[in-house]
């Protein structure tokens, strides 16, 4: 048996090496975005104009508009930046402030999806100036399970807040932190009742099914970081009270429906099986026991993607689109898109350089009616999408020379 195991190991290593070589020879290079704007036809809005309003953002992750039309942008390494006059109000051109926003403490380097993630304004930002952040706090280094590999740095998913005075963050304070784990990305969104929802990942193990930790979960906390008393698992022994739902893999998108208050996430499957889910209290979303995805070598991952007691996805992608930021459009500049869900996409079908922006049309019950893919000819990894205070859509591209794009009617 030992000889067979060694032989299979050699075959697996060889297969991984071949797959890596094939991966290096496929895909498309991102456009330089050197044109003043780009024009596209769409299925329901006719033509749109896409304008790169700021470039030089190295792998941005999240975008939040301030009441004055400026925008805060997190750079996944450790930085918070400001795009001055991002909406171009009054005819003044948007500009990236050359200075990094002060007041953000050193954060874990971007190992995998680690680093600084989300930025979100408190619902009463105009009164309290509170800005919230998620990031991976640096933890201990532990030996890898494979002694031939180097030690692994563990991190803890963390929520913090500070006051933003227009130039710097002050009174930076940690509100919540999870257990030590391998780093993964996160998103957060405030609900109409003032509670804060937070996504965490668990792609490496079965922690998504275990309720004694915060990983592979959607969490629900109050704005001070404590668990609300009406969370579904409050008071149960050996269960984290912040847990709202579980059985999630990598969740890099989160939004709240503007009409109903429903919370929706965007979740990565392993190789296909990407999902948008309506998040319901106490429900199990299946990972890692149930998934519509496959292993990266194409082999079967699970016996069945569904089972009784497992929440089915609201939107499903096979092959994968690597879903990222989410937003519902509520403005008047795109009348045909009102109520549509927009989902960022880093790449399609495991092919680099095929990212875009997904538009999903729902009925009144959040049942999918149709969908469309936008911006694919730009060959960009889309990391976030937001509606601006001007009623236009804004998109972040996750590239070495990342950009903030404005989408408007042509």
Protein backbone atom coordinates (compact mmCIF):
# COMPACT_ATOMS: atom_id res chain seq x y z
CA UNK A 1 0.00 0.00 0.00
CA UNK A 2 2.82 2.41 0.75
CA UNK A 3 4.28 1.99 -2.75
CA UNK A 4 0.89 2.68 -4.32
CA UNK A 5 0.45 5.83 -2.23
CA UNK A 6 3.88 7.10 -3.26
CA UNK A 7 3.13 6.35 -6.89
CA UNK A 8 -0.19 8.15 -6.73
CA UNK A 9 1.52 11.08 -5.06
CA UNK A 10 4.02 11.31 -7.91
CA UNK A 11 1.19 11.14 -10.43
CA UNK A 12 -0.72 13.87 -8.57
CA UNK A 13 2.35 16.12 -8.43
CA UNK A 14 2.93 15.57 -12.13
CA UNK A 15 -0.73 16.34 -12.89
CA UNK A 16 -0.54 19.55 -10.88
CA UNK A 17 2.64 20.56 -12.70
CA UNK A 18 1.05 19.89 -16.09
CA UNK A 19 -2.08 21.80 -15.08
CA UNK A 20 0.03 24.75 -13.92
CA UNK A 21 1.92 24.76 -17.22
CA UNK A 22 -1.33 24.68 -19.19
CA UNK A 23 -2.72 27.48 -17.02
CA UNK A 24 0.30 29.66 -17.82
CA UNK A 25 -0.39 29.33 -21.55
CA UNK A 26 -4.05 30.35 -21.56
CA UNK A 27 -6.02 33.52 -21.06
CA UNK A 28 -5.94 37.15 -22.13
CA UNK A 29 -3.88 40.10 -21.00
CA UNK A 30 -5.86 42.97 -19.46
CA UNK A 31 -6.30 46.06 -21.61
CA UNK A 32 -4.14 49.01 -20.60
CA UNK A 33 -7.28 51.20 -20.49
CA UNK A 34 -5.46 53.98 -22.29
CA UNK A 35 -8.56 55.28 -24.11
CA UNK A 36 -10.59 58.15 -22.67
CA UNK A 37 -13.69 55.93 -22.69
CA UNK A 38 -15.14 52.74 -24.15
CA UNK A 39 -18.60 52.17 -25.60
CA UNK A 40 -20.61 48.95 -25.43
CA UNK A 41 -23.99 47.73 -26.57
CA UNK A 42 -26.19 46.17 -23.91
CA UNK A 43 -29.29 44.00 -24.04
CA UNK A 44 -31.75 46.41 -22.37
CA UNK A 45 -30.07 49.78 -21.88
CA UNK A 46 -28.81 50.27 -25.46
CA UNK A 47 -25.31 51.81 -25.38
CA UNK A 48 -23.22 52.59 -22.32
CA UNK A 49 -20.00 54.57 -21.91
CA UNK A 50 -17.28 53.22 -19.62
CA UNK A 51 -14.73 55.80 -18.46
CA UNK A 52 -11.54 55.05 -16.47
CA UNK A 53 -11.65 57.96 -14.05
CA UNK A 54 -8.65 56.90 -11.94
CA UNK A 55 -5.80 54.48 -12.61
CA UNK A 56 -2.77 53.37 -10.62
CA UNK A 57 -4.66 51.46 -7.91
CA UNK A 58 -2.66 48.32 -7.15
CA UNK A 59 -5.24 45.56 -6.59
CA UNK A 60 -8.07 47.53 -4.96
CA UNK A 61 -10.72 45.57 -3.07
CA UNK A 62 -13.58 47.79 -1.91
CA UNK A 63 -15.20 51.14 -2.65
CA UNK A 64 -17.34 53.42 -0.47
CA UNK A 65 -18.73 56.81 -1.50
CA UNK A 66 -18.67 59.72 0.92
CA UNK A 67 -21.53 62.23 1.04
CA UNK A 68 -19.41 64.90 -0.70
CA UNK A 69 -18.75 62.71 -3.77
CA UNK A 70 -15.27 61.58 -2.72
CA UNK A 71 -14.68 57.82 -2.53
CA UNK A 72 -12.67 55.65 -0.16
CA UNK A 73 -10.84 52.72 -1.77
CA UNK A 74 -9.11 49.89 0.07
CA UNK A 75 -5.92 48.53 -1.44
CA UNK A 76 -5.64 44.87 -0.47
CA UNK A 77 -2.11 45.19 0.86
CA UNK A 78 -2.52 47.67 3.73
CA UNK A 79 -3.68 50.99 2.31
CA UNK A 80 -6.75 53.19 2.31
CA UNK A 81 -6.86 55.77 -0.48
CA UNK A 82 -9.17 58.66 -1.40
CA UNK A 83 -10.45 59.47 -4.88
CA UNK A 84 -11.30 63.15 -4.69
CA UNK A 85 -14.51 64.19 -6.46
CA UNK A 86 -15.05 60.65 -7.79
CA UNK A 87 -18.44 61.60 -9.21
CA UNK A 88 -17.06 64.58 -11.12
CA UNK A 89 -19.63 66.92 -9.60
CA UNK A 90 -19.36 70.55 -10.68
CA UNK A 91 -17.19 69.66 -13.65
CA UNK A 92 -14.13 69.01 -11.49
CA UNK A 93 -12.13 66.02 -12.65
CA UNK A 94 -11.72 63.05 -10.28
CA UNK A 95 -8.21 62.63 -8.88
CA UNK A 96 -6.46 60.06 -6.72
CA UNK A 97 -5.10 61.77 -3.62
CA UNK A 98 -1.33 61.11 -3.68
CA UNK A 99 -1.28 60.51 0.08
CA UNK A 100 -2.32 57.29 1.75
CA UNK A 101 -5.00 57.86 4.39
CA UNK A 102 -3.27 57.95 7.76
CA UNK A 103 -4.48 56.08 10.82
CA UNK A 104 -4.72 52.51 9.49
CA UNK A 105 -2.34 50.27 11.49
CA UNK A 106 -0.03 47.76 9.76
CA UNK A 107 -2.04 44.84 8.39
CA UNK A 108 -1.07 41.37 7.15
CA UNK A 109 0.45 41.37 3.64
CA UNK A 110 -1.98 40.09 0.97
CA UNK A 111 -1.28 36.35 1.22
CA UNK A 112 -3.93 34.73 -0.97
CA UNK A 113 -7.03 36.83 -0.15
CA UNK A 114 -5.54 38.22 3.05
CA UNK A 115 -4.94 41.87 3.88
CA UNK A 116 -7.26 44.86 4.07
CA UNK A 117 -10.69 44.05 2.62
CA UNK A 118 -13.91 45.97 3.01
CA UNK A 119 -14.64 49.59 3.85
CA UNK A 120 -18.18 50.66 4.80
CA UNK A 121 -19.74 53.81 6.22
CA UNK A 122 -21.92 53.66 9.32
CA UNK A 123 -25.57 54.40 8.43
CA UNK A 124 -25.26 57.58 10.54
CA UNK A 125 -21.87 58.55 9.13
CA UNK A 126 -22.92 62.17 8.71
CA UNK A 127 -23.37 62.36 12.49
CA UNK A 128 -20.66 60.08 13.92
CA UNK A 129 -18.08 59.89 11.06
CA UNK A 130 -17.62 56.16 11.72
CA UNK A 131 -15.97 54.05 8.99
CA UNK A 132 -15.75 50.24 9.33
CA UNK A 133 -13.02 47.95 8.02
CA UNK A 134 -12.46 44.21 7.71
CA UNK A 135 -8.98 42.74 7.49
CA UNK A 136 -6.77 39.80 8.50
CA UNK A 137 -4.97 40.44 11.77
CA UNK A 138 -1.52 38.87 11.90
CA UNK A 139 -1.20 35.76 14.07
CA UNK A 140 1.25 32.96 14.84
CA UNK A 141 3.31 30.93 12.38
CA UNK A 142 2.67 27.18 12.54
CA UNK A 143 4.24 24.17 10.79
CA UNK A 144 2.52 23.03 7.62
CA UNK A 145 0.90 19.58 7.61
CA UNK A 146 3.39 18.68 4.88
CA UNK A 147 6.89 18.90 6.46
CA UNK A 148 8.39 19.70 3.05
CA UNK A 149 6.45 22.96 2.88
CA UNK A 150 7.36 26.14 4.74
CA UNK A 151 5.48 27.17 7.90
CA UNK A 152 2.13 28.92 7.46
CA UNK A 153 1.19 32.32 8.86
CA UNK A 154 -2.22 32.32 10.53
CA UNK A 155 -4.49 35.34 10.72
CA UNK A 156 -7.80 36.26 12.33
CA UNK A 157 -10.68 37.94 10.52
CA UNK A 158 -11.16 41.30 12.22
CA UNK A 159 -13.67 44.17 12.17
CA UNK A 160 -12.52 47.61 13.27
CA UNK A 161 -13.84 51.13 13.06
CA UNK A 162 -12.47 54.66 13.19
CA UNK A 163 -13.57 58.22 12.59
CA UNK A 164 -12.76 59.77 9.22
CA UNK A 165 -12.21 63.52 9.21
CA UNK A 166 -11.75 63.87 5.44
CA UNK A 167 -8.01 63.26 5.55
CA UNK A 168 -7.20 60.64 8.20
CA UNK A 169 -8.74 57.91 10.35
CA UNK A 170 -8.63 58.51 14.10
CA UNK A 171 -9.76 56.48 17.13
CA UNK A 172 -9.11 53.21 15.24
CA UNK A 173 -10.54 50.43 17.40
CA UNK A 174 -10.87 46.67 16.99
CA UNK A 175 -14.48 45.57 17.56
CA UNK A 176 -14.48 41.89 16.68
CA UNK A 177 -11.98 39.14 15.84
CA UNK A 178 -12.23 35.46 14.92
CA UNK A 179 -10.00 32.51 15.68
CA UNK A 180 -6.55 32.03 14.09
CA UNK A 181 -6.92 30.50 10.62
CA UNK A 182 -5.48 30.66 7.11
CA UNK A 183 -6.35 34.04 5.55
CA UNK A 184 -9.38 34.49 3.33
CA UNK A 185 -11.38 37.46 2.08
CA UNK A 186 -14.43 39.10 3.65
CA UNK A 187 -17.23 41.56 2.94
CA UNK A 188 -19.67 43.45 5.14
CA UNK A 189 -22.91 45.39 4.78
CA UNK A 190 -25.23 47.27 7.11
CA UNK A 191 -28.87 46.15 7.24
CA UNK A 192 -31.83 48.52 7.68
CA UNK A 193 -32.02 47.67 11.41
CA UNK A 194 -28.43 48.91 11.89
CA UNK A 195 -26.85 45.49 12.35
CA UNK A 196 -23.70 44.62 10.43
CA UNK A 197 -23.39 41.45 8.33
CA UNK A 198 -19.93 39.99 7.71
CA UNK A 199 -18.79 37.15 5.43
CA UNK A 200 -15.90 34.79 6.18
CA UNK A 201 -14.28 32.00 4.15
CA UNK A 202 -13.43 28.35 4.84
CA UNK A 203 -12.16 26.85 1.58
CA UNK A 204 -9.47 24.62 3.14
CA UNK A 205 -11.30 22.40 5.64
CA UNK A 206 -14.66 21.50 7.19
CA UNK A 207 -14.89 24.49 9.54
CA UNK A 208 -17.84 25.87 7.56
CA UNK A 209 -19.96 23.08 9.09
CA UNK A 210 -18.67 23.55 12.65
CA UNK A 211 -20.37 26.18 14.80
CA UNK A 212 -17.53 26.66 17.30
CA UNK A 213 -15.72 29.04 14.93
CA UNK A 214 -16.58 32.02 12.70
CA UNK A 215 -15.20 30.73 9.37
CA UNK A 216 -17.33 29.74 6.42
CA UNK A 217 -20.16 31.79 7.92
CA UNK A 218 -22.24 34.88 7.48
CA UNK A 219 -21.98 36.70 10.79
CA UNK A 220 -24.34 39.31 12.22
CA UNK A 221 -23.08 41.78 14.81
CA UNK A 222 -24.13 45.11 16.26
CA UNK A 223 -22.23 48.26 15.35
CA UNK A 224 -20.14 47.88 18.52
CA UNK A 225 -19.02 44.34 17.52
CA UNK A 226 -21.22 42.40 19.94
CA UNK A 227 -23.72 39.70 18.95
CA UNK A 228 -27.41 40.72 18.79
CA UNK A 229 -29.55 38.71 21.24
CA UNK A 230 -31.90 37.57 18.43
CA UNK A 231 -29.18 35.81 16.40
CA UNK A 232 -30.20 32.18 15.70
CA UNK A 233 -27.53 30.45 17.83
CA UNK A 234 -27.28 32.81 20.81
CA UNK A 235 -27.14 30.91 24.09
CA UNK A 236 -26.21 27.53 22.63
CA UNK A 237 -23.11 25.92 24.21
CA UNK A 238 -19.84 25.87 22.23
CA UNK A 239 -21.40 27.94 19.42
CA UNK A 240 -20.24 31.40 18.32
CA UNK A 241 -23.19 33.74 18.95
CA UNK A 242 -22.26 35.94 15.97
CA UNK A 243 -23.15 33.17 13.46
CA UNK A 244 -26.18 33.91 11.29
CA UNK A 245 -25.73 31.22 8.59
CA UNK A 246 -23.11 28.57 7.85
CA UNK A 247 -21.82 26.16 5.21
CA UNK A 248 -20.18 28.82 3.02
CA UNK A 249 -16.91 28.55 1.07
CA UNK A 250 -15.28 31.84 -0.11
CA UNK A 251 -17.66 34.82 0.05
CA UNK A 252 -16.34 37.92 -1.72
CA UNK A 253 -19.60 39.75 -2.27
CA UNK A 254 -22.39 40.92 0.06
CA UNK A 255 -25.31 43.31 -0.31
CA UNK A 256 -28.72 44.13 1.15
CA UNK A 257 -31.82 44.31 -1.04
CA UNK A 258 -33.05 47.93 -0.87
CA UNK A 259 -36.73 47.02 -0.82
CA UNK A 260 -37.03 43.92 1.33
CA UNK A 261 -33.86 44.09 3.45
CA UNK A 262 -32.89 40.58 2.29
CA UNK A 263 -29.16 39.87 2.60
CA UNK A 264 -27.45 38.28 -0.43
CA UNK A 265 -23.91 36.94 -0.71
CA UNK A 266 -21.67 36.00 -3.65
CA UNK A 267 -19.84 32.73 -3.03
CA UNK A 268 -17.03 30.98 -4.91
CA UNK A 269 -17.37 27.30 -5.70
CA UNK A 270 -14.11 25.40 -6.23
CA UNK A 271 -14.30 24.92 -10.03
CA UNK A 272 -17.75 26.02 -11.09
CA UNK A 273 -20.67 26.12 -8.70
CA UNK A 274 -20.40 29.85 -7.94
CA UNK A 275 -23.49 31.14 -6.18
CA UNK A 276 -25.57 34.08 -5.09
CA UNK A 277 -27.55 33.11 -2.00
CA UNK A 278 -30.33 34.75 -0.04
CA UNK A 279 -29.05 34.50 3.52
CA UNK A 280 -31.59 33.14 6.02
CA UNK A 281 -31.14 32.88 9.77
CA UNK A 282 -29.69 29.60 11.00
CA UNK A 283 -29.63 27.94 7.57
CA UNK A 284 -26.94 25.59 6.21
CA UNK A 285 -25.63 26.34 2.69
CA UNK A 286 -23.82 23.04 2.31
CA UNK A 287 -20.06 23.56 1.92
CA UNK A 288 -17.98 21.38 1.90
CA UNK A 289 -20.43 18.45 1.79
CA UNK A 290 -22.58 19.85 -1.04
CA UNK A 291 -21.49 21.91 -4.03
CA UNK A 292 -22.21 22.31 -7.74
CA UNK A 293 -18.45 22.66 -8.35
CA UNK A 294 -15.77 20.11 -9.21
CA UNK A 295 -12.14 19.64 -8.28
CA UNK A 296 -9.68 21.78 -10.23
CA UNK A 297 -8.50 18.71 -12.16
CA UNK A 298 -12.08 18.19 -13.37
CA UNK A 299 -12.86 15.22 -11.13
CA UNK A 300 -16.04 14.89 -9.10
CA UNK A 301 -15.98 16.69 -5.76
CA UNK A 302 -19.17 15.51 -4.03
CA UNK A 303 -21.79 12.85 -4.64
CA UNK A 304 -24.68 15.32 -4.85
CA UNK A 305 -24.88 19.13 -4.95
CA UNK A 306 -28.16 19.25 -3.00
CA UNK A 307 -29.87 17.56 -0.08
CA UNK A 308 -32.78 18.13 2.26
CA UNK A 309 -31.97 20.79 4.83
CA UNK A 310 -29.45 22.49 2.51
CA UNK A 311 -30.29 25.90 1.08
CA UNK A 312 -30.20 25.96 -2.73
CA UNK A 313 -28.49 28.89 -4.48
CA UNK A 314 -30.62 31.74 -5.80
CA UNK A 315 -28.26 32.23 -8.77
CA UNK A 316 -25.78 29.59 -9.99
CA UNK A 317 -22.83 29.74 -12.39
CA UNK A 318 -21.33 26.67 -14.05
CA UNK A 319 -18.61 27.26 -15.17
CA UNK A 320 -17.26 29.63 -12.55
CA UNK A 321 -17.24 33.43 -12.89
CA UNK A 322 -15.25 34.08 -9.65
CA UNK A 323 -17.94 36.42 -8.25
CA UNK A 324 -16.91 39.49 -6.27
CA UNK A 325 -18.73 42.69 -5.23
CA UNK A 326 -22.53 42.94 -5.34
CA UNK A 327 -24.97 45.83 -5.61
CA UNK A 328 -28.62 46.39 -6.48
CA UNK A 329 -29.25 49.28 -8.85
CA UNK A 330 -31.85 51.74 -7.53
CA UNK A 331 -31.13 54.92 -9.52
CA UNK A 332 -32.84 56.65 -12.41
CA UNK A 333 -29.95 57.01 -14.87
CA UNK A 334 -30.50 53.46 -16.17
CA UNK A 335 -34.30 53.01 -16.11
CA UNK A 336 -34.15 49.56 -17.74
CA UNK A 337 -31.77 48.33 -15.03
CA UNK A 338 -33.73 49.44 -11.98
CA UNK A 339 -33.87 46.63 -9.42
CA UNK A 340 -31.20 44.55 -11.22
CA UNK A 341 -28.39 42.88 -9.29
CA UNK A 342 -24.84 43.59 -10.50
CA UNK A 343 -22.10 41.07 -9.69
CA UNK A 344 -18.39 41.58 -10.31
CA UNK A 345 -16.53 38.71 -12.01
CA UNK A 346 -12.79 38.06 -11.86
CA UNK A 347 -12.71 35.41 -14.63
CA UNK A 348 -14.93 32.90 -16.40
CA UNK A 349 -14.37 29.16 -16.62
CA UNK A 350 -10.89 29.31 -15.01
CA UNK A 351 -9.56 31.37 -17.97
CA UNK A 352 -7.55 34.46 -16.94
CA UNK A 353 -8.49 37.79 -18.48
CA UNK A 354 -12.19 36.98 -18.91
CA UNK A 355 -13.68 38.94 -16.01
CA UNK A 356 -16.66 41.22 -16.41
CA UNK A 357 -19.82 42.51 -14.81
CA UNK A 358 -22.88 40.28 -14.48
CA UNK A 359 -26.37 41.80 -14.59
CA UNK A 360 -29.13 39.63 -13.14
CA UNK A 361 -32.83 40.45 -13.52
CA UNK A 362 -35.07 39.22 -10.70
CA UNK A 363 -38.82 39.07 -10.26
CA UNK A 364 -40.47 40.43 -7.11
CA UNK A 365 -39.68 37.21 -5.25
CA UNK A 366 -35.96 37.30 -6.12
CA UNK A 367 -36.41 34.59 -8.73
CA UNK A 368 -33.96 34.91 -11.61
CA UNK A 369 -35.52 35.86 -14.96
CA UNK A 370 -32.49 36.56 -17.18
CA UNK A 371 -28.86 37.70 -17.07
CA UNK A 372 -26.28 39.51 -19.16
CA UNK A 373 -22.47 39.84 -19.03
CA UNK A 374 -20.91 43.28 -19.53
CA UNK A 375 -17.35 44.67 -19.94
CA UNK A 376 -15.71 41.36 -20.92
CA UNK A 377 -13.75 42.93 -23.87
CA UNK A 378 -11.74 44.96 -21.34
CA UNK A 379 -10.23 41.70 -20.00
CA UNK A 380 -10.20 43.02 -16.42
CA UNK A 381 -10.65 41.30 -13.09
CA UNK A 382 -13.64 43.13 -11.61
CA UNK A 383 -13.36 43.33 -7.82
CA UNK A 384 -16.19 45.63 -6.71
CA UNK A 385 -19.25 47.44 -8.08
CA UNK A 386 -21.19 50.24 -6.39
CA UNK A 387 -23.88 52.73 -7.22
CA UNK A 388 -22.65 56.29 -6.83
CA UNK A 389 -24.66 59.15 -5.31
CA UNK A 390 -25.11 60.43 -8.89
CA UNK A 391 -27.08 57.32 -9.87
CA UNK A 392 -24.27 55.90 -12.01
CA UNK A 393 -22.40 52.62 -11.56
CA UNK A 394 -18.74 52.48 -10.52
CA UNK A 395 -16.44 49.46 -10.85
CA UNK A 396 -13.01 48.61 -9.42
CA UNK A 397 -10.61 46.48 -11.49
CA UNK A 398 -8.28 44.15 -9.59
CA UNK A 399 -5.07 44.57 -11.60
CA UNK A 400 -1.49 45.73 -11.02
CA UNK A 401 -2.65 48.99 -12.64
CA UNK A 402 -6.17 48.82 -11.23
CA UNK A 403 -8.73 51.42 -12.19
CA UNK A 404 -11.96 52.98 -11.03
CA UNK A 405 -14.43 52.89 -13.92
CA UNK A 406 -17.59 54.95 -14.30
CA UNK A 407 -20.52 53.47 -16.28
CA UNK A 408 -23.07 55.89 -17.72
CA UNK A 409 -25.65 56.00 -20.52
CA UNK A 410 -24.15 56.84 -23.89
